[in-house]
Amino acid sequence: MNEKQIRKNMAILPVSSISKLTGLSPRQLRYYEQFDLVHPKRSKGNQRLYSLNDIDCLLDIKDYLSSGMTMAEVKRVMLKQSPIADQETAEVSDTAARKIFSKEMLQIGRWNIHDSNNLY
């Protein structure tokens, strides 16, 4: 991750600042967190802290809801847009990683294997 991305991911903005920047109430922010759409970090005092990327996400949510989408639809859209970089922290077993890699390689046609089920 480059320095710009690191800075955009730094959770430093409290709820009051986020409310002013997005026009969302603290209750709306908590609701979106409960609905698993945003994941603010917590300070040592358990205060929610948001990043610049969180602001972008919240503004997207606000736009989707303004266009008439339901929360379930918004969640589906947000999950599809979720960057792969967020998945870097998820633990993947060596076997699972090999299966994913094999499947991707088969999809791009680099391996000439007729039966991908026999790989593992």
Protein backbone atom coordinates (compact mmCIF):
# COMPACT_ATOMS: atom_id res chain seq x y z
CA MET A 1 0.00 0.00 0.00
CA ASN A 2 1.42 3.39 -0.91
CA GLU A 3 1.53 6.38 1.43
CA LYS A 4 -1.58 7.99 -0.06
CA GLN A 5 -3.65 4.85 0.55
CA ILE A 6 -2.28 4.52 4.06
CA ARG A 7 -3.28 8.09 4.86
CA LYS A 8 -6.77 7.59 3.42
CA ASN A 9 -7.21 4.52 5.63
CA MET A 10 -6.11 6.26 8.84
CA ALA A 11 -9.07 6.42 11.19
CA ILE A 12 -8.72 9.84 12.85
CA LEU A 13 -12.05 11.64 12.44
CA PRO A 14 -14.64 11.50 15.25
CA VAL A 15 -18.40 11.13 14.78
CA SER A 16 -19.02 14.88 15.12
CA SER A 17 -16.72 15.69 12.20
CA ILE A 18 -18.15 12.90 10.07
CA SER A 19 -21.69 14.14 10.76
CA LYS A 20 -20.77 17.62 9.57
CA LEU A 21 -18.94 16.36 6.48
CA THR A 22 -21.61 13.89 5.35
CA GLY A 23 -24.83 15.42 6.68
CA LEU A 24 -25.61 12.14 8.44
CA SER A 25 -26.71 12.01 12.06
CA PRO A 26 -24.72 10.04 14.66
CA ARG A 27 -27.68 7.64 14.82
CA GLN A 28 -27.46 7.02 11.06
CA LEU A 29 -23.73 6.37 11.38
CA ARG A 30 -24.36 3.79 14.12
CA TYR A 31 -27.11 2.20 12.04
CA TYR A 32 -24.84 1.81 9.02
CA GLU A 33 -22.23 0.25 11.28
CA GLN A 34 -24.81 -2.15 12.71
CA PHE A 35 -25.84 -3.05 9.16
CA ASP A 36 -22.15 -3.86 8.52
CA LEU A 37 -21.72 -1.21 5.82
CA VAL A 38 -18.91 0.73 7.54
CA HIS A 39 -16.32 -0.38 10.05
CA PRO A 40 -14.98 2.56 12.06
CA LYS A 41 -12.01 1.94 14.30
CA ARG A 42 -12.20 2.58 18.04
CA SER A 43 -10.02 4.84 20.14
CA LYS A 44 -8.72 3.77 23.54
CA GLY A 45 -11.76 5.53 25.00
CA ASN A 46 -14.03 3.47 22.68
CA GLN A 47 -14.87 6.48 20.49
CA ARG A 48 -15.62 5.72 16.84
CA LEU A 49 -12.99 7.05 14.46
CA TYR A 50 -13.49 7.24 10.71
CA SER A 51 -11.07 7.49 7.78
CA LEU A 52 -11.34 9.40 4.50
CA ASN A 53 -12.27 6.13 2.80
CA ASP A 54 -15.08 5.72 5.33
CA ILE A 55 -16.38 9.17 4.32
CA ASP A 56 -16.46 8.10 0.66
CA CYS A 57 -18.32 4.94 1.63
CA LEU A 58 -20.85 6.87 3.74
CA LEU A 59 -21.50 9.35 0.93
CA ASP A 60 -22.06 6.44 -1.47
CA ILE A 61 -24.53 4.89 0.98
CA LYS A 62 -26.33 8.22 1.31
CA ASP A 63 -26.58 8.54 -2.50
CA TYR A 64 -27.88 4.99 -2.90
CA LEU A 65 -30.55 5.50 -0.24
CA SER A 66 -31.54 8.85 -1.78
CA SER A 67 -32.07 7.09 -5.11
CA GLY A 68 -34.62 4.80 -3.48
CA MET A 69 -32.57 1.70 -2.79
CA THR A 70 -33.29 -0.39 0.30
CA MET A 71 -30.62 -1.15 2.89
CA ALA A 72 -30.41 -4.74 1.63
CA GLU A 73 -29.81 -3.50 -1.92
CA VAL A 74 -27.21 -1.02 -0.70
CA LYS A 75 -25.42 -3.78 1.19
CA ARG A 76 -25.34 -5.99 -1.93
CA VAL A 77 -23.91 -3.15 -4.01
CA MET A 78 -21.35 -2.25 -1.37
CA LEU A 79 -20.19 -5.86 -1.07
CA LYS A 80 -19.67 -6.04 -4.84
CA GLN A 81 -17.60 -2.83 -4.71
CA SER A 82 -15.54 -3.97 -1.75
CA PRO A 83 -11.85 -3.71 -2.63
CA ILE A 84 -9.82 -6.90 -2.66
CA ALA A 85 -7.22 -5.14 -0.49
CA ASP A 86 -9.63 -5.38 2.45
CA GLN A 87 -9.49 -9.16 2.13
CA GLU A 88 -5.72 -9.20 2.68
CA THR A 89 -6.24 -9.43 6.42
CA ALA A 90 -8.43 -12.53 6.16
CA GLU A 91 -6.65 -15.77 6.96
CA VAL A 92 -6.59 -18.28 4.14
CA SER A 93 -5.22 -21.79 4.50
CA ASP A 94 -2.50 -22.93 2.14
CA THR A 95 -4.85 -25.47 0.56
CA ALA A 96 -7.58 -22.86 0.05
CA ALA A 97 -5.08 -20.44 -1.48
CA ARG A 98 -3.88 -23.15 -3.89
CA LYS A 99 -7.45 -23.92 -4.94
CA ILE A 100 -8.18 -20.24 -5.54
CA PHE A 101 -4.98 -19.87 -7.54
CA SER A 102 -5.73 -22.99 -9.60
CA LYS A 103 -9.25 -21.82 -10.35
CA GLU A 104 -8.00 -18.39 -11.45
CA MET A 105 -5.32 -19.91 -13.64
CA LEU A 106 -7.89 -22.19 -15.28
CA GLN A 107 -10.18 -19.25 -15.90
CA ILE A 108 -7.55 -17.28 -17.73
CA GLY A 109 -6.59 -20.31 -19.80
CA ARG A 110 -2.96 -20.62 -18.81
CA TRP A 111 -3.28 -24.26 -17.87
CA ASN A 112 -4.55 -26.82 -20.27
CA ILE A 113 -6.28 -29.11 -17.80
CA HIS A 114 -9.62 -30.64 -18.68
CA ASP A 115 -10.73 -31.67 -15.20
CA SER A 116 -10.04 -29.03 -12.54
CA ASN A 117 -11.72 -31.20 -9.84
CA ASN A 118 -8.70 -33.52 -9.74
CA LEU A 119 -6.22 -30.80 -8.81
CA TYR A 120 -6.74 -31.21 -5.04
